Amino acid sequence: MEQVNKEELALISMNVILHAGNARDYVFQAVDKASNGEFNQADELMKKADEEIVIAHKAQTNTLQKEAEGIEIPFSPLFGHAQDTLMTVKSEMNIMREIIKLYKKI
């Protein structure tokens, strides 16, 4: 059976963590801009966050797709952490979008 090696999985995991972290940074910068009434800049930062989260999500999804195709994925706490990070950042993004909407109404 074909298998993803641990080094490849570690690289994928770090890629997910990196891009999810970048997205988180952009989201919090966006909320800061929105809190100061700088809505155009906030919207641009949220677009950048979306681009980063798509990269992270694709890396995770491609890995899971391999498993669905019968390619063995070794257990990796790092990959689990990467998935947790991605999920958390996506949740934060949803919450922060709502906060930005509230700032726009104030």
N, C-alpha and C. Protein backbone atom coordinates (compact mmCIF):
# COMPACT_ATOMS: atom_id res chain seq x y z
N MET A 1 0.84 -1.19 0.00
CA MET A 1 0.00 0.00 0.00
C MET A 1 0.88 1.25 0.00
N GLU A 2 0.51 2.18 -0.86
CA GLU A 2 1.24 3.45 -0.92
C GLU A 2 1.03 4.23 0.38
N GLN A 3 2.03 5.01 0.78
CA GLN A 3 1.95 5.74 2.04
C GLN A 3 2.63 7.10 1.91
N VAL A 4 2.05 8.10 2.56
CA VAL A 4 2.69 9.40 2.66
C VAL A 4 3.77 9.26 3.73
N ASN A 5 4.99 9.73 3.45
CA ASN A 5 6.03 9.59 4.47
C ASN A 5 5.90 10.70 5.51
N LYS A 6 6.49 10.47 6.67
CA LYS A 6 6.35 11.40 7.80
C LYS A 6 6.91 12.78 7.49
N GLU A 7 7.99 12.82 6.73
CA GLU A 7 8.58 14.12 6.39
C GLU A 7 7.62 14.94 5.52
N GLU A 8 7.01 14.27 4.54
CA GLU A 8 6.05 14.95 3.67
C GLU A 8 4.85 15.44 4.49
N LEU A 9 4.37 14.62 5.41
CA LEU A 9 3.23 15.00 6.24
C LEU A 9 3.59 16.16 7.17
N ALA A 10 4.82 16.15 7.68
CA ALA A 10 5.27 17.26 8.54
C ALA A 10 5.30 18.56 7.74
N LEU A 11 5.77 18.49 6.50
CA LEU A 11 5.81 19.68 5.65
C LEU A 11 4.40 20.19 5.36
N ILE A 12 3.50 19.29 5.05
CA ILE A 12 2.10 19.67 4.80
C ILE A 12 1.52 20.31 6.06
N SER A 13 1.79 19.70 7.20
CA SER A 13 1.26 20.20 8.47
C SER A 13 1.76 21.62 8.76
N MET A 14 3.04 21.85 8.56
CA MET A 14 3.60 23.18 8.80
C MET A 14 3.04 24.19 7.81
N ASN A 15 2.75 23.76 6.60
CA ASN A 15 2.15 24.63 5.59
C ASN A 15 0.74 25.06 6.03
N VAL A 16 -0.02 24.10 6.54
CA VAL A 16 -1.36 24.41 7.04
C VAL A 16 -1.27 25.39 8.19
N ILE A 17 -0.38 25.12 9.15
CA ILE A 17 -0.23 26.00 10.32
C ILE A 17 0.22 27.39 9.89
N LEU A 18 1.18 27.47 8.97
CA LEU A 18 1.68 28.76 8.49
C LEU A 18 0.57 29.60 7.87
N HIS A 19 -0.17 29.01 6.95
CA HIS A 19 -1.19 29.80 6.24
C HIS A 19 -2.40 30.10 7.12
N ALA A 20 -2.76 29.18 8.00
CA ALA A 20 -3.83 29.48 8.95
C ALA A 20 -3.40 30.60 9.90
N GLY A 21 -2.15 30.57 10.31
CA GLY A 21 -1.63 31.64 11.17
C GLY A 21 -1.61 32.98 10.47
N ASN A 22 -1.23 32.97 9.20
CA ASN A 22 -1.27 34.22 8.42
C ASN A 22 -2.69 34.76 8.34
N ALA A 23 -3.64 33.85 8.12
CA ALA A 23 -5.05 34.26 8.06
C ALA A 23 -5.47 34.89 9.38
N ARG A 24 -5.09 34.26 10.48
CA ARG A 24 -5.43 34.79 11.81
C ARG A 24 -4.87 36.20 11.97
N ASP A 25 -3.62 36.40 11.59
CA ASP A 25 -3.02 37.74 11.71
C ASP A 25 -3.82 38.77 10.91
N TYR A 26 -4.17 38.42 9.67
CA TYR A 26 -4.95 39.35 8.85
C TYR A 26 -6.31 39.65 9.46
N VAL A 27 -6.95 38.64 10.02
CA VAL A 27 -8.28 38.83 10.61
C VAL A 27 -8.23 39.80 11.78
N PHE A 28 -7.25 39.63 12.65
CA PHE A 28 -7.16 40.52 13.80
C PHE A 28 -6.74 41.94 13.39
N GLN A 29 -5.93 42.05 12.35
CA GLN A 29 -5.63 43.38 11.81
C GLN A 29 -6.89 44.02 11.23
N ALA A 30 -7.71 43.21 10.57
CA ALA A 30 -8.95 43.72 9.98
C ALA A 30 -9.90 44.24 11.05
N VAL A 31 -10.04 43.52 12.13
CA VAL A 31 -10.92 43.96 13.22
C VAL A 31 -10.39 45.26 13.82
N ASP A 32 -9.08 45.35 13.95
CA ASP A 32 -8.48 46.58 14.48
C ASP A 32 -8.80 47.76 13.56
N LYS A 33 -8.66 47.54 12.26
CA LYS A 33 -8.98 48.61 11.29
C LYS A 33 -10.46 48.98 11.38
N ALA A 34 -11.32 47.98 11.48
CA ALA A 34 -12.76 48.24 11.56
C ALA A 34 -13.09 49.03 12.83
N SER A 35 -12.40 48.72 13.90
CA SER A 35 -12.68 49.43 15.16
C SER A 35 -12.33 50.91 15.06
N ASN A 36 -11.46 51.25 14.11
CA ASN A 36 -11.09 52.65 13.87
C ASN A 36 -11.84 53.25 12.68
N GLY A 37 -12.83 52.53 12.18
CA GLY A 37 -13.64 53.04 11.07
C GLY A 37 -12.98 52.92 9.71
N GLU A 38 -11.90 52.18 9.63
CA GLU A 38 -11.16 52.02 8.38
C GLU A 38 -11.67 50.76 7.67
N PHE A 39 -12.87 50.85 7.14
CA PHE A 39 -13.57 49.66 6.63
C PHE A 39 -13.01 49.13 5.31
N ASN A 40 -12.54 50.01 4.45
CA ASN A 40 -11.94 49.52 3.20
C ASN A 40 -10.70 48.68 3.48
N GLN A 41 -9.87 49.17 4.41
CA GLN A 41 -8.68 48.41 4.78
C GLN A 41 -9.07 47.10 5.46
N ALA A 42 -10.10 47.15 6.29
CA ALA A 42 -10.57 45.93 6.97
C ALA A 42 -11.03 44.90 5.94
N ASP A 43 -11.77 45.36 4.95
CA ASP A 43 -12.25 44.44 3.90
C ASP A 43 -11.09 43.83 3.12
N GLU A 44 -10.07 44.64 2.83
CA GLU A 44 -8.90 44.13 2.10
C GLU A 44 -8.16 43.08 2.93
N LEU A 45 -8.03 43.33 4.21
CA LEU A 45 -7.35 42.37 5.09
C LEU A 45 -8.15 41.07 5.20
N MET A 46 -9.46 41.17 5.21
CA MET A 46 -10.28 39.96 5.26
C MET A 46 -10.14 39.17 3.96
N LYS A 47 -9.98 39.86 2.83
CA LYS A 47 -9.74 39.15 1.57
C LYS A 47 -8.41 38.39 1.62
N LYS A 48 -7.39 39.04 2.19
CA LYS A 48 -6.10 38.37 2.34
C LYS A 48 -6.24 37.16 3.26
N ALA A 49 -7.01 37.31 4.33
CA ALA A 49 -7.23 36.19 5.24
C ALA A 49 -7.92 35.03 4.51
N ASP A 50 -8.90 35.36 3.69
CA ASP A 50 -9.60 34.33 2.90
C ASP A 50 -8.63 33.59 1.98
N GLU A 51 -7.74 34.33 1.34
CA GLU A 51 -6.76 33.70 0.43
C GLU A 51 -5.86 32.74 1.20
N GLU A 52 -5.43 33.15 2.37
CA GLU A 52 -4.55 32.30 3.18
C GLU A 52 -5.27 31.05 3.68
N ILE A 53 -6.51 31.22 4.11
CA ILE A 53 -7.24 30.07 4.66
C ILE A 53 -7.55 29.07 3.55
N VAL A 54 -7.75 29.54 2.32
CA VAL A 54 -7.98 28.63 1.20
C VAL A 54 -6.74 27.78 0.95
N ILE A 55 -5.57 28.39 1.02
CA ILE A 55 -4.32 27.63 0.83
C ILE A 55 -4.20 26.55 1.91
N ALA A 56 -4.45 26.93 3.15
CA ALA A 56 -4.35 25.98 4.27
C ALA A 56 -5.38 24.86 4.11
N HIS A 57 -6.58 25.23 3.74
CA HIS A 57 -7.65 24.24 3.61
C HIS A 57 -7.36 23.26 2.48
N LYS A 58 -6.84 23.76 1.37
CA LYS A 58 -6.51 22.88 0.24
C LYS A 58 -5.43 21.87 0.63
N ALA A 59 -4.43 22.31 1.38
CA ALA A 59 -3.37 21.40 1.81
C ALA A 59 -3.94 20.28 2.68
N GLN A 60 -4.84 20.65 3.59
CA GLN A 60 -5.47 19.64 4.44
C GLN A 60 -6.36 18.72 3.62
N THR A 61 -7.18 19.29 2.78
CA THR A 61 -8.13 18.50 1.99
C THR A 61 -7.40 17.55 1.04
N ASN A 62 -6.32 18.02 0.42
CA ASN A 62 -5.54 17.15 -0.47
C ASN A 62 -4.99 15.95 0.28
N THR A 63 -4.58 16.17 1.51
CA THR A 63 -4.06 15.07 2.33
C THR A 63 -5.16 14.08 2.66
N LEU A 64 -6.30 14.58 3.06
CA LEU A 64 -7.42 13.70 3.39
C LEU A 64 -7.92 12.96 2.16
N GLN A 65 -7.86 13.61 1.00
CA GLN A 65 -8.26 12.97 -0.25
C GLN A 65 -7.37 11.78 -0.56
N LYS A 66 -6.08 11.92 -0.27
CA LYS A 66 -5.15 10.81 -0.48
C LYS A 66 -5.58 9.59 0.33
N GLU A 67 -5.97 9.83 1.57
CA GLU A 67 -6.41 8.72 2.41
C GLU A 67 -7.67 8.07 1.82
N ALA A 68 -8.57 8.90 1.32
CA ALA A 68 -9.79 8.37 0.71
C ALA A 68 -9.47 7.53 -0.53
N GLU A 69 -8.35 7.83 -1.18
CA GLU A 69 -7.93 7.08 -2.36
C GLU A 69 -7.14 5.81 -2.01
N GLY A 70 -6.98 5.57 -0.71
CA GLY A 70 -6.29 4.36 -0.28
C GLY A 70 -4.82 4.54 0.05
N ILE A 71 -4.35 5.76 0.00
CA ILE A 71 -2.96 6.05 0.38
C ILE A 71 -2.92 6.22 1.89
N GLU A 72 -2.06 5.46 2.53
CA GLU A 72 -2.02 5.49 3.99
C GLU A 72 -1.37 6.78 4.49
N ILE A 73 -2.02 7.40 5.45
CA ILE A 73 -1.51 8.60 6.10
C ILE A 73 -1.09 8.19 7.51
N PRO A 74 0.18 8.32 7.86
CA PRO A 74 0.62 7.91 9.19
C PRO A 74 0.03 8.83 10.26
N PHE A 75 -0.13 8.29 11.46
CA PHE A 75 -0.59 9.13 12.57
C PHE A 75 0.44 10.22 12.82
N SER A 76 -0.05 11.43 13.01
CA SER A 76 0.85 12.56 13.26
C SER A 76 0.18 13.57 14.18
N PRO A 77 0.70 13.71 15.40
CA PRO A 77 0.17 14.77 16.27
C PRO A 77 0.30 16.15 15.63
N LEU A 78 1.34 16.35 14.85
CA LEU A 78 1.53 17.65 14.18
C LEU A 78 0.41 17.91 13.17
N PHE A 79 0.02 16.88 12.40
CA PHE A 79 -1.07 17.05 11.45
C PHE A 79 -2.39 17.31 12.20
N GLY A 80 -2.58 16.62 13.33
CA GLY A 80 -3.76 16.88 14.15
C GLY A 80 -3.78 18.32 14.65
N HIS A 81 -2.63 18.81 15.08
CA HIS A 81 -2.52 20.20 15.53
C HIS A 81 -2.82 21.16 14.38
N ALA A 82 -2.32 20.83 13.20
CA ALA A 82 -2.57 21.68 12.03
C ALA A 82 -4.07 21.76 11.73
N GLN A 83 -4.75 20.62 11.81
CA GLN A 83 -6.18 20.60 11.56
C GLN A 83 -6.92 21.41 12.63
N ASP A 84 -6.51 21.27 13.88
CA ASP A 84 -7.12 22.05 14.97
C ASP A 84 -6.93 23.54 14.74
N THR A 85 -5.71 23.91 14.33
CA THR A 85 -5.42 25.32 14.08
C THR A 85 -6.29 25.86 12.95
N LEU A 86 -6.40 25.11 11.89
CA LEU A 86 -7.22 25.53 10.76
C LEU A 86 -8.68 25.71 11.18
N MET A 87 -9.21 24.75 11.90
CA MET A 87 -10.61 24.82 12.34
C MET A 87 -10.83 26.02 13.26
N THR A 88 -9.90 26.26 14.16
CA THR A 88 -10.03 27.38 15.10
C THR A 88 -10.00 28.71 14.36
N VAL A 89 -9.07 28.85 13.44
CA VAL A 89 -8.97 30.10 12.69
C VAL A 89 -10.21 30.33 11.84
N LYS A 90 -10.73 29.28 11.24
CA LYS A 90 -11.96 29.44 10.45
C LYS A 90 -13.11 29.92 11.34
N SER A 91 -13.20 29.40 12.55
CA SER A 91 -14.23 29.85 13.49
C SER A 91 -14.00 31.31 13.88
N GLU A 92 -12.74 31.65 14.14
CA GLU A 92 -12.43 33.04 14.49
C GLU A 92 -12.81 33.97 13.34
N MET A 93 -12.54 33.55 12.13
CA MET A 93 -12.88 34.38 10.97
C MET A 93 -14.38 34.64 10.91
N ASN A 94 -15.17 33.61 11.16
CA ASN A 94 -16.63 33.79 11.14
C ASN A 94 -17.09 34.77 12.21
N ILE A 95 -16.53 34.65 13.38
CA ILE A 95 -16.90 35.56 14.47
C ILE A 95 -16.46 36.99 14.15
N MET A 96 -15.25 37.13 13.66
CA MET A 96 -14.73 38.47 13.38
C MET A 96 -15.47 39.14 12.23
N ARG A 97 -15.97 38.36 11.28
CA ARG A 97 -16.81 38.96 10.22
C ARG A 97 -18.04 39.62 10.83
N GLU A 98 -18.62 38.96 11.81
CA GLU A 98 -19.80 39.51 12.47
C GLU A 98 -19.44 40.76 13.28
N ILE A 99 -18.29 40.73 13.92
CA ILE A 99 -17.86 41.90 14.68
C ILE A 99 -17.62 43.08 13.72
N ILE A 100 -17.03 42.82 12.59
CA ILE A 100 -16.80 43.90 11.61
C ILE A 100 -18.14 44.45 11.13
N LYS A 101 -19.13 43.58 10.91
CA LYS A 101 -20.46 44.07 10.53
C LYS A 101 -21.04 44.99 11.59
N LEU A 102 -20.83 44.63 12.85
CA LEU A 102 -21.32 45.47 13.94
C LEU A 102 -20.62 46.82 13.96
N TYR A 103 -19.30 46.82 13.75
CA TYR A 103 -18.59 48.10 13.69
C TYR A 103 -19.13 48.97 12.56
N LYS A 104 -19.47 48.36 11.45
CA LYS A 104 -19.99 49.13 10.33
C LYS A 104 -21.35 49.75 10.65
N LYS A 105 -22.11 49.13 11.54
CA LYS A 105 -23.43 49.66 11.91
C LYS A 105 -23.35 50.78 12.95
N ILE A 106 -22.25 50.80 13.69
CA ILE A 106 -22.11 51.80 14.77
C ILE A 106 -21.79 53.16 14.20
